[in-house]
Amino acid sequence: MSEYLMEMKNLHTFFTTKRGIVKAVNDVSYAVKEGETLGIVGESGSGKSVSAMSMLRLLDDNGYIDSGEIYFEGNDLTKISQQEVYHIR
């Protein structure tokens, strides 16, 4: 069991567009222990919302997690079904 409640490791989230691939989140990592609060700040378009939506597996149809791991309570959310993620959410 990990010491972290939630951990994101080397997340890469991309979107397929008419003009090609958009790398919205490129190699983001962070971790939060139980009882901690994490604030994420950055410029508009820097990937804050996309990283959160990736964690919740709520990306638009053209978005996908290219690589990385997202753990919540020891479960890799990138490897489980949408139904299992729904119950976690």
PDB file of N, CA and C in Angstrom:
ATOM      1  N   MET A   1       0.850  -1.184   0.000  1.00  0.00           N
ATOM      2  CA  MET A   1       0.000   0.000   0.000  1.00  0.00           C
ATOM      3  C   MET A   1       0.891   1.240   0.000  1.00  0.00           C
ATOM      4  N   SER A   2       0.562   2.170  -0.848  1.00  0.00           N
ATOM      5  CA  SER A   2       1.328   3.402  -0.979  1.00  0.00           C
ATOM      6  C   SER A   2       1.076   4.319   0.206  1.00  0.00           C
ATOM      7  N   GLU A   3       2.025   5.181   0.470  1.00  0.00           N
ATOM      8  CA  GLU A   3       1.847   6.174   1.525  1.00  0.00           C
ATOM      9  C   GLU A   3       0.962   7.328   1.063  1.00  0.00           C
ATOM     10  N   TYR A   4       0.590   7.348  -0.230  1.00  0.00           N
ATOM     11  CA  TYR A   4      -0.186   8.442  -0.798  1.00  0.00           C
ATOM     12  C   TYR A   4      -1.633   8.034  -1.037  1.00  0.00           C
ATOM     13  N   LEU A   5      -2.535   8.957  -0.797  1.00  0.00           N
ATOM     14  CA  LEU A   5      -3.939   8.759  -1.130  1.00  0.00           C
ATOM     15  C   LEU A   5      -4.122   8.810  -2.646  1.00  0.00           C
ATOM     16  N   MET A   6      -3.440   9.774  -3.276  1.00  0.00           N
ATOM     17  CA  MET A   6      -3.509   9.950  -4.718  1.00  0.00           C
ATOM     18  C   MET A   6      -2.120  10.279  -5.231  1.00  0.00           C
ATOM     19  N   GLU A   7      -1.750   9.639  -6.345  1.00  0.00           N
ATOM     20  CA  GLU A   7      -0.432   9.877  -6.933  1.00  0.00           C
ATOM     21  C   GLU A   7      -0.536   9.831  -8.451  1.00  0.00           C
ATOM     22  N   MET A   8      -0.006  10.846  -9.088  1.00  0.00           N
ATOM     23  CA  MET A   8       0.045  10.918 -10.540  1.00  0.00           C
ATOM     24  C   MET A   8       1.509  10.848 -10.938  1.00  0.00           C
ATOM     25  N   LYS A   9       1.839   9.911 -11.836  1.00  0.00           N
ATOM     26  CA  LYS A   9       3.232   9.706 -12.233  1.00  0.00           C
ATOM     27  C   LYS A   9       3.375   9.858 -13.742  1.00  0.00           C
ATOM     28  N   ASN A  10       4.158  10.831 -14.160  1.00  0.00           N
ATOM     29  CA  ASN A  10       4.539  11.005 -15.564  1.00  0.00           C
ATOM     30  C   ASN A  10       3.342  10.975 -16.517  1.00  0.00           C
ATOM     31  N   LEU A  11       2.306  11.721 -16.169  1.00  0.00           N
ATOM     32  CA  LEU A  11       1.089  11.739 -16.971  1.00  0.00           C
ATOM     33  C   LEU A  11       1.298  12.500 -18.282  1.00  0.00           C
ATOM     34  N   HIS A  12       0.851  11.883 -19.363  1.00  0.00           N
ATOM     35  CA  HIS A  12       0.833  12.502 -20.694  1.00  0.00           C
ATOM     36  C   HIS A  12      -0.581  12.356 -21.234  1.00  0.00           C
ATOM     37  N   THR A  13      -1.297  13.460 -21.371  1.00  0.00           N
ATOM     38  CA  THR A  13      -2.658  13.446 -21.906  1.00  0.00           C
ATOM     39  C   THR A  13      -2.678  14.247 -23.199  1.00  0.00           C
ATOM     40  N   PHE A  14      -3.160  13.608 -24.248  1.00  0.00           N
ATOM     41  CA  PHE A  14      -3.157  14.214 -25.584  1.00  0.00           C
ATOM     42  C   PHE A  14      -4.576  14.289 -26.132  1.00  0.00           C
ATOM     43  N   PHE A  15      -4.754  15.176 -27.109  1.00  0.00           N
ATOM     44  CA  PHE A  15      -6.010  15.305 -27.830  1.00  0.00           C
ATOM     45  C   PHE A  15      -5.734  15.194 -29.320  1.00  0.00           C
ATOM     46  N   THR A  16      -6.578  14.454 -30.009  1.00  0.00           N
ATOM     47  CA  THR A  16      -6.494  14.350 -31.458  1.00  0.00           C
ATOM     48  C   THR A  16      -7.367  15.453 -32.059  1.00  0.00           C
ATOM     49  N   THR A  17      -6.772  16.273 -32.919  1.00  0.00           N
ATOM     50  CA  THR A  17      -7.509  17.352 -33.573  1.00  0.00           C
ATOM     51  C   THR A  17      -7.314  17.242 -35.084  1.00  0.00           C
ATOM     52  N   LYS A  18      -8.038  18.052 -35.819  1.00  0.00           N
ATOM     53  CA  LYS A  18      -7.893  18.086 -37.280  1.00  0.00           C
ATOM     54  C   LYS A  18      -6.484  18.495 -37.691  1.00  0.00           C
ATOM     55  N   ARG A  19      -5.821  19.242 -36.846  1.00  0.00           N
ATOM     56  CA  ARG A  19      -4.471  19.719 -37.149  1.00  0.00           C
ATOM     57  C   ARG A  19      -3.371  18.831 -36.565  1.00  0.00           C
ATOM     58  N   GLY A  20      -3.754  17.760 -35.937  1.00  0.00           N
ATOM     59  CA  GLY A  20      -2.763  16.854 -35.356  1.00  0.00           C
ATOM     60  C   GLY A  20      -2.976  16.633 -33.875  1.00  0.00           C
ATOM     61  N   ILE A  21      -1.955  16.149 -33.224  1.00  0.00           N
ATOM     62  CA  ILE A  21      -1.999  15.832 -31.796  1.00  0.00           C
ATOM     63  C   ILE A  21      -1.631  17.062 -30.973  1.00  0.00           C
ATOM     64  N   VAL A  22      -2.446  17.342 -29.951  1.00  0.00           N
ATOM     65  CA  VAL A  22      -2.160  18.410 -28.989  1.00  0.00           C
ATOM     66  C   VAL A  22      -1.734  17.749 -27.687  1.00  0.00           C
ATOM     67  N   LYS A  23      -0.546  18.082 -27.220  1.00  0.00           N
ATOM     68  CA  LYS A  23      -0.029  17.533 -25.961  1.00  0.00           C
ATOM     69  C   LYS A  23      -0.435  18.481 -24.836  1.00  0.00           C
ATOM     70  N   ALA A  24      -1.612  18.231 -24.272  1.00  0.00           N
ATOM     71  CA  ALA A  24      -2.178  19.124 -23.261  1.00  0.00           C
ATOM     72  C   ALA A  24      -1.481  18.984 -21.913  1.00  0.00           C
ATOM     73  N   VAL A  25      -1.122  17.774 -21.545  1.00  0.00           N
ATOM     74  CA  VAL A  25      -0.393  17.506 -20.306  1.00  0.00           C
ATOM     75  C   VAL A  25       0.797  16.643 -20.700  1.00  0.00           C
ATOM     76  N   ASN A  26       1.978  17.101 -20.342  1.00  0.00           N
ATOM     77  CA  ASN A  26       3.190  16.433 -20.802  1.00  0.00           C
ATOM     78  C   ASN A  26       4.136  16.182 -19.626  1.00  0.00           C
ATOM     79  N   ASP A  27       4.079  14.980 -19.060  1.00  0.00           N
ATOM     80  CA  ASP A  27       4.984  14.540 -17.996  1.00  0.00           C
ATOM     81  C   ASP A  27       4.741  15.252 -16.664  1.00  0.00           C
ATOM     82  N   VAL A  28       3.522  15.165 -16.172  1.00  0.00           N
ATOM     83  CA  VAL A  28       3.151  15.771 -14.892  1.00  0.00           C
ATOM     84  C   VAL A  28       3.136  14.697 -13.811  1.00  0.00           C
ATOM     85  N   SER A  29       3.726  15.028 -12.667  1.00  0.00           N
ATOM     86  CA  SER A  29       3.741  14.118 -11.517  1.00  0.00           C
ATOM     87  C   SER A  29       3.481  14.911 -10.241  1.00  0.00           C
ATOM     88  N   TYR A  30       2.654  14.344  -9.368  1.00  0.00           N
ATOM     89  CA  TYR A  30       2.492  14.879  -8.021  1.00  0.00           C
ATOM     90  C   TYR A  30       1.815  13.821  -7.164  1.00  0.00           C
ATOM     91  N   ALA A  31       1.857  14.030  -5.851  1.00  0.00           N
ATOM     92  CA  ALA A  31       1.272  13.070  -4.917  1.00  0.00           C
ATOM     93  C   ALA A  31       0.676  13.816  -3.732  1.00  0.00           C
ATOM     94  N   VAL A  32      -0.377  13.232  -3.172  1.00  0.00           N
ATOM     95  CA  VAL A  32      -1.077  13.834  -2.036  1.00  0.00           C
ATOM     96  C   VAL A  32      -1.305  12.753  -0.991  1.00  0.00           C
ATOM     97  N   LYS A  33      -0.892  13.036   0.217  1.00  0.00           N
ATOM     98  CA  LYS A  33      -1.151  12.120   1.330  1.00  0.00           C
ATOM     99  C   LYS A  33      -2.526  12.431   1.918  1.00  0.00           C
ATOM    100  N   GLU A  34      -3.099  11.448   2.598  1.00  0.00           N
ATOM    101  CA  GLU A  34      -4.396  11.648   3.242  1.00  0.00           C
ATOM    102  C   GLU A  34      -4.303  12.832   4.217  1.00  0.00           C
ATOM    103  N   GLY A  35      -5.276  13.710   4.166  1.00  0.00           N
ATOM    104  CA  GLY A  35      -5.307  14.883   5.036  1.00  0.00           C
ATOM    105  C   GLY A  35      -4.611  16.102   4.451  1.00  0.00           C
ATOM    106  N   GLU A  36      -3.857  15.923   3.373  1.00  0.00           N
ATOM    107  CA  GLU A  36      -3.183  17.043   2.713  1.00  0.00           C
ATOM    108  C   GLU A  36      -4.116  17.702   1.701  1.00  0.00           C
ATOM    109  N   THR A  37      -3.791  18.943   1.374  1.00  0.00           N
ATOM    110  CA  THR A  37      -4.487  19.682   0.328  1.00  0.00           C
ATOM    111  C   THR A  37      -3.466  20.113  -0.702  1.00  0.00           C
ATOM    112  N   LEU A  38      -3.802  19.947  -1.963  1.00  0.00           N
ATOM    113  CA  LEU A  38      -2.917  20.335  -3.046  1.00  0.00           C
ATOM    114  C   LEU A  38      -3.589  21.427  -3.855  1.00  0.00           C
ATOM    115  N   GLY A  39      -2.900  22.531  -4.052  1.00  0.00           N
ATOM    116  CA  GLY A  39      -3.370  23.601  -4.924  1.00  0.00           C
ATOM    117  C   GLY A  39      -2.513  23.622  -6.175  1.00  0.00           C
ATOM    118  N   ILE A  40      -3.157  23.693  -7.325  1.00  0.00           N
ATOM    119  CA  ILE A  40      -2.437  23.725  -8.589  1.00  0.00           C
ATOM    120  C   ILE A  40      -2.726  25.057  -9.261  1.00  0.00           C
ATOM    121  N   VAL A  41      -1.668  25.793  -9.549  1.00  0.00           N
ATOM    122  CA  VAL A  41      -1.814  27.092 -10.199  1.00  0.00           C
ATOM    123  C   VAL A  41      -0.992  27.110 -11.476  1.00  0.00           C
ATOM    124  N   GLY A  42      -1.392  27.929 -12.396  1.00  0.00           N
ATOM    125  CA  GLY A  42      -0.657  28.052 -13.645  1.00  0.00           C
ATOM    126  C   GLY A  42      -1.410  28.934 -14.611  1.00  0.00           C
ATOM    127  N   GLU A  43      -0.760  29.241 -15.685  1.00  0.00           N
ATOM    128  CA  GLU A  43      -1.362  30.084 -16.704  1.00  0.00           C
ATOM    129  C   GLU A  43      -2.530  29.377 -17.370  1.00  0.00           C
ATOM    130  N   SER A  44      -3.390  30.158 -17.991  1.00  0.00           N
ATOM    131  CA  SER A  44      -4.484  29.605 -18.773  1.00  0.00           C
ATOM    132  C   SER A  44      -3.911  28.709 -19.864  1.00  0.00           C
ATOM    133  N   GLY A  45      -4.470  27.519 -19.987  1.00  0.00           N
ATOM    134  CA  GLY A  45      -4.005  26.590 -21.011  1.00  0.00           C
ATOM    135  C   GLY A  45      -2.800  25.768 -20.617  1.00  0.00           C
ATOM    136  N   SER A  46      -2.424  25.799 -19.347  1.00  0.00           N
ATOM    137  CA  SER A  46      -1.227  25.069 -18.924  1.00  0.00           C
ATOM    138  C   SER A  46      -1.488  23.604 -18.571  1.00  0.00           C
ATOM    139  N   GLY A  47      -2.754  23.173 -18.593  1.00  0.00           N
ATOM    140  CA  GLY A  47      -3.060  21.761 -18.364  1.00  0.00           C
ATOM    141  C   GLY A  47      -3.637  21.421 -17.003  1.00  0.00           C
ATOM    142  N   LYS A  48      -3.967  22.429 -16.209  1.00  0.00           N
ATOM    143  CA  LYS A  48      -4.506  22.161 -14.867  1.00  0.00           C
ATOM    144  C   LYS A  48      -5.794  21.343 -14.922  1.00  0.00           C
ATOM    145  N   SER A  49      -6.750  21.829 -15.689  1.00  0.00           N
ATOM    146  CA  SER A  49      -8.043  21.150 -15.779  1.00  0.00           C
ATOM    147  C   SER A  49      -7.920  19.802 -16.467  1.00  0.00           C
ATOM    148  N   VAL A  50      -7.107  19.718 -17.494  1.00  0.00           N
ATOM    149  CA  VAL A  50      -6.950  18.455 -18.214  1.00  0.00           C
ATOM    150  C   VAL A  50      -6.316  17.396 -17.314  1.00  0.00           C
ATOM    151  N   SER A  51      -5.374  17.782 -16.466  1.00  0.00           N
ATOM    152  CA  SER A  51      -4.787  16.787 -15.557  1.00  0.00           C
ATOM    153  C   SER A  51      -5.831  16.290 -14.556  1.00  0.00           C
ATOM    154  N   ALA A  52      -6.698  17.186 -14.079  1.00  0.00           N
ATOM    155  CA  ALA A  52      -7.763  16.776 -13.159  1.00  0.00           C
ATOM    156  C   ALA A  52      -8.785  15.898 -13.874  1.00  0.00           C
ATOM    157  N   MET A  53      -9.157  16.269 -15.090  1.00  0.00           N
ATOM    158  CA  MET A  53     -10.116  15.469 -15.849  1.00  0.00           C
ATOM    159  C   MET A  53      -9.526  14.105 -16.224  1.00  0.00           C
ATOM    160  N   SER A  54      -8.224  14.065 -16.438  1.00  0.00           N
ATOM    161  CA  SER A  54      -7.556  12.786 -16.698  1.00  0.00           C
ATOM    162  C   SER A  54      -7.660  11.887 -15.477  1.00  0.00           C
ATOM    163  N   MET A  55      -7.414  12.471 -14.310  1.00  0.00           N
ATOM    164  CA  MET A  55      -7.475  11.701 -13.075  1.00  0.00           C
ATOM    165  C   MET A  55      -8.870  11.111 -12.888  1.00  0.00           C
ATOM    166  N   LEU A  56      -9.895  11.867 -13.218  1.00  0.00           N
ATOM    167  CA  LEU A  56     -11.270  11.409 -13.053  1.00  0.00           C
ATOM    168  C   LEU A  56     -11.778  10.595 -14.239  1.00  0.00           C
ATOM    169  N   ARG A  57     -10.934  10.469 -15.284  1.00  0.00           N
ATOM    170  CA  ARG A  57     -11.281   9.772 -16.530  1.00  0.00           C
ATOM    171  C   ARG A  57     -12.536  10.377 -17.155  1.00  0.00           C
ATOM    172  N   LEU A  58     -12.545  11.718 -17.235  1.00  0.00           N
ATOM    173  CA  LEU A  58     -13.665  12.449 -17.809  1.00  0.00           C
ATOM    174  C   LEU A  58     -13.231  13.281 -19.014  1.00  0.00           C
ATOM    175  N   LEU A  59     -12.339  12.750 -19.827  1.00  0.00           N
ATOM    176  CA  LEU A  59     -11.846  13.460 -20.998  1.00  0.00           C
ATOM    177  C   LEU A  59     -12.878  13.427 -22.125  1.00  0.00           C
ATOM    178  N   ASP A  60     -12.837  14.443 -22.990  1.00  0.00           N
ATOM    179  CA  ASP A  60     -13.651  14.435 -24.197  1.00  0.00           C
ATOM    180  C   ASP A  60     -13.283  13.229 -25.047  1.00  0.00           C
ATOM    181  N   ASP A  61     -14.122  12.909 -26.004  1.00  0.00           N
ATOM    182  CA  ASP A  61     -13.904  11.730 -26.847  1.00  0.00           C
ATOM    183  C   ASP A  61     -12.576  11.761 -27.593  1.00  0.00           C
ATOM    184  N   ASN A  62     -12.086  12.947 -27.929  1.00  0.00           N
ATOM    185  CA  ASN A  62     -10.821  13.037 -28.663  1.00  0.00           C
ATOM    186  C   ASN A  62      -9.605  13.083 -27.737  1.00  0.00           C
ATOM    187  N   GLY A  63      -9.815  13.036 -26.423  1.00  0.00           N
ATOM    188  CA  GLY A  63      -8.717  13.062 -25.461  1.00  0.00           C
ATOM    189  C   GLY A  63      -8.374  11.664 -24.971  1.00  0.00           C
ATOM    190  N   TYR A  64      -7.105  11.472 -24.672  1.00  0.00           N
ATOM    191  CA  TYR A  64      -6.684  10.159 -24.172  1.00  0.00           C
ATOM    192  C   TYR A  64      -5.404  10.291 -23.350  1.00  0.00           C
ATOM    193  N   ILE A  65      -5.245   9.385 -22.418  1.00  0.00           N
ATOM    194  CA  ILE A  65      -4.023   9.301 -21.625  1.00  0.00           C
ATOM    195  C   ILE A  65      -3.053   8.463 -22.439  1.00  0.00           C
ATOM    196  N   ASP A  66      -2.006   9.107 -22.921  1.00  0.00           N
ATOM    197  CA  ASP A  66      -1.014   8.421 -23.749  1.00  0.00           C
ATOM    198  C   ASP A  66      -0.106   7.539 -22.897  1.00  0.00           C
ATOM    199  N   SER A  67       0.295   8.040 -21.749  1.00  0.00           N
ATOM    200  CA  SER A  67       1.126   7.257 -20.836  1.00  0.00           C
ATOM    201  C   SER A  67       1.074   7.883 -19.456  1.00  0.00           C
ATOM    202  N   GLY A  68       1.553   7.148 -18.501  1.00  0.00           N
ATOM    203  CA  GLY A  68       1.569   7.601 -17.112  1.00  0.00           C
ATOM    204  C   GLY A  68       0.687   6.725 -16.249  1.00  0.00           C
ATOM    205  N   GLU A  69       0.724   7.003 -14.973  1.00  0.00           N
ATOM    206  CA  GLU A  69      -0.047   6.241 -13.995  1.00  0.00           C
ATOM    207  C   GLU A  69      -0.762   7.217 -13.075  1.00  0.00           C
ATOM    208  N   ILE A  70      -1.976   6.852 -12.689  1.00  0.00           N
ATOM    209  CA  ILE A  70      -2.750   7.661 -11.752  1.00  0.00           C
ATOM    210  C   ILE A  70      -3.280   6.712 -10.686  1.00  0.00           C
ATOM    211  N   TYR A  71      -2.768   6.826  -9.486  1.00  0.00           N
ATOM    212  CA  TYR A  71      -3.164   5.942  -8.402  1.00  0.00           C
ATOM    213  C   TYR A  71      -4.079   6.663  -7.424  1.00  0.00           C
ATOM    214  N   PHE A  72      -5.154   5.990  -7.035  1.00  0.00           N
ATOM    215  CA  PHE A  72      -6.018   6.455  -5.959  1.00  0.00           C
ATOM    216  C   PHE A  72      -6.253   5.266  -5.050  1.00  0.00           C
ATOM    217  N   GLU A  73      -5.865   5.418  -3.809  1.00  0.00           N
ATOM    218  CA  GLU A  73      -5.960   4.340  -2.817  1.00  0.00           C
ATOM    219  C   GLU A  73      -5.363   3.043  -3.353  1.00  0.00           C
ATOM    220  N   GLY A  74      -4.239   3.167  -4.061  1.00  0.00           N
ATOM    221  CA  GLY A  74      -3.513   2.006  -4.543  1.00  0.00           C
ATOM    222  C   GLY A  74      -3.985   1.439  -5.875  1.00  0.00           C
ATOM    223  N   ASN A  75      -5.089   1.947  -6.406  1.00  0.00           N
ATOM    224  CA  ASN A  75      -5.617   1.477  -7.695  1.00  0.00           C
ATOM    225  C   ASN A  75      -5.127   2.382  -8.813  1.00  0.00           C
ATOM    226  N   ASP A  76      -4.582   1.797  -9.874  1.00  0.00           N
ATOM    227  CA  ASP A  76      -4.171   2.577 -11.038  1.00  0.00           C
ATOM    228  C   ASP A  76      -5.408   2.854 -11.875  1.00  0.00           C
ATOM    229  N   LEU A  77      -5.882   4.098 -11.842  1.00  0.00           N
ATOM    230  CA  LEU A  77      -7.115   4.466 -12.521  1.00  0.00           C
ATOM    231  C   LEU A  77      -7.010   4.376 -14.035  1.00  0.00           C
ATOM    232  N   THR A  78      -5.798   4.317 -14.560  1.00  0.00           N
ATOM    233  CA  THR A  78      -5.633   4.173 -16.013  1.00  0.00           C
ATOM    234  C   THR A  78      -5.820   2.733 -16.457  1.00  0.00           C
ATOM    235  N   LYS A  79      -5.860   1.799 -15.533  1.00  0.00           N
ATOM    236  CA  LYS A  79      -5.926   0.374 -15.863  1.00  0.00           C
ATOM    237  C   LYS A  79      -7.276  -0.271 -15.546  1.00  0.00           C
ATOM    238  N   ILE A  80      -8.172   0.441 -14.888  1.00  0.00           N
ATOM    239  CA  ILE A  80      -9.452  -0.152 -14.505  1.00  0.00           C
ATOM    240  C   ILE A  80     -10.558   0.327 -15.441  1.00  0.00           C
ATOM    241  N   SER A  81     -11.686  -0.349 -15.407  1.00  0.00           N
ATOM    242  CA  SER A  81     -12.796  -0.035 -16.308  1.00  0.00           C
ATOM    243  C   SER A  81     -13.461   1.290 -15.932  1.00  0.00           C
ATOM    244  N   GLN A  82     -14.204   1.847 -16.906  1.00  0.00           N
ATOM    245  CA  GLN A  82     -14.956   3.079 -16.644  1.00  0.00           C
ATOM    246  C   GLN A  82     -15.961   2.853 -15.518  1.00  0.00           C
ATOM    247  N   GLN A  83     -16.550   1.671 -15.456  1.00  0.00           N
ATOM    248  CA  GLN A  83     -17.522   1.350 -14.405  1.00  0.00           C
ATOM    249  C   GLN A  83     -16.856   1.407 -13.021  1.00  0.00           C
ATOM    250  N   GLU A  84     -15.649   0.858 -12.906  1.00  0.00           N
ATOM    251  CA  GLU A  84     -14.929   0.901 -11.632  1.00  0.00           C
ATOM    252  C   GLU A  84     -14.564   2.344 -11.263  1.00  0.00           C
ATOM    253  N   VAL A  85     -14.146   3.137 -12.245  1.00  0.00           N
ATOM    254  CA  VAL A  85     -13.823   4.545 -11.992  1.00  0.00           C
ATOM    255  C   VAL A  85     -15.076   5.294 -11.545  1.00  0.00           C
ATOM    256  N   TYR A  86     -16.211   4.977 -12.164  1.00  0.00           N
ATOM    257  CA  TYR A  86     -17.484   5.606 -11.795  1.00  0.00           C
ATOM    258  C   TYR A  86     -17.766   5.393 -10.310  1.00  0.00           C
ATOM    259  N   HIS A  87     -17.558   4.182  -9.815  1.00  0.00           N
ATOM    260  CA  HIS A  87     -17.818   3.890  -8.400  1.00  0.00           C
ATOM    261  C   HIS A  87     -16.822   4.609  -7.485  1.00  0.00           C
ATOM    262  N   ILE A  88     -15.598   4.772  -7.922  1.00  0.00           N
ATOM    263  CA  ILE A  88     -14.605   5.508  -7.131  1.00  0.00           C
ATOM    264  C   ILE A  88     -14.980   6.993  -7.066  1.00  0.00           C
ATOM    265  N   ARG A  89     -15.401   7.547  -8.221  1.00  0.00           N
ATOM    266  CA  ARG A  89     -15.799   8.958  -8.240  1.00  0.00           C
ATOM    267  C   ARG A  89     -16.956   9.182  -7.329  1.00  0.00           C
TER     268      ARG A  89
END
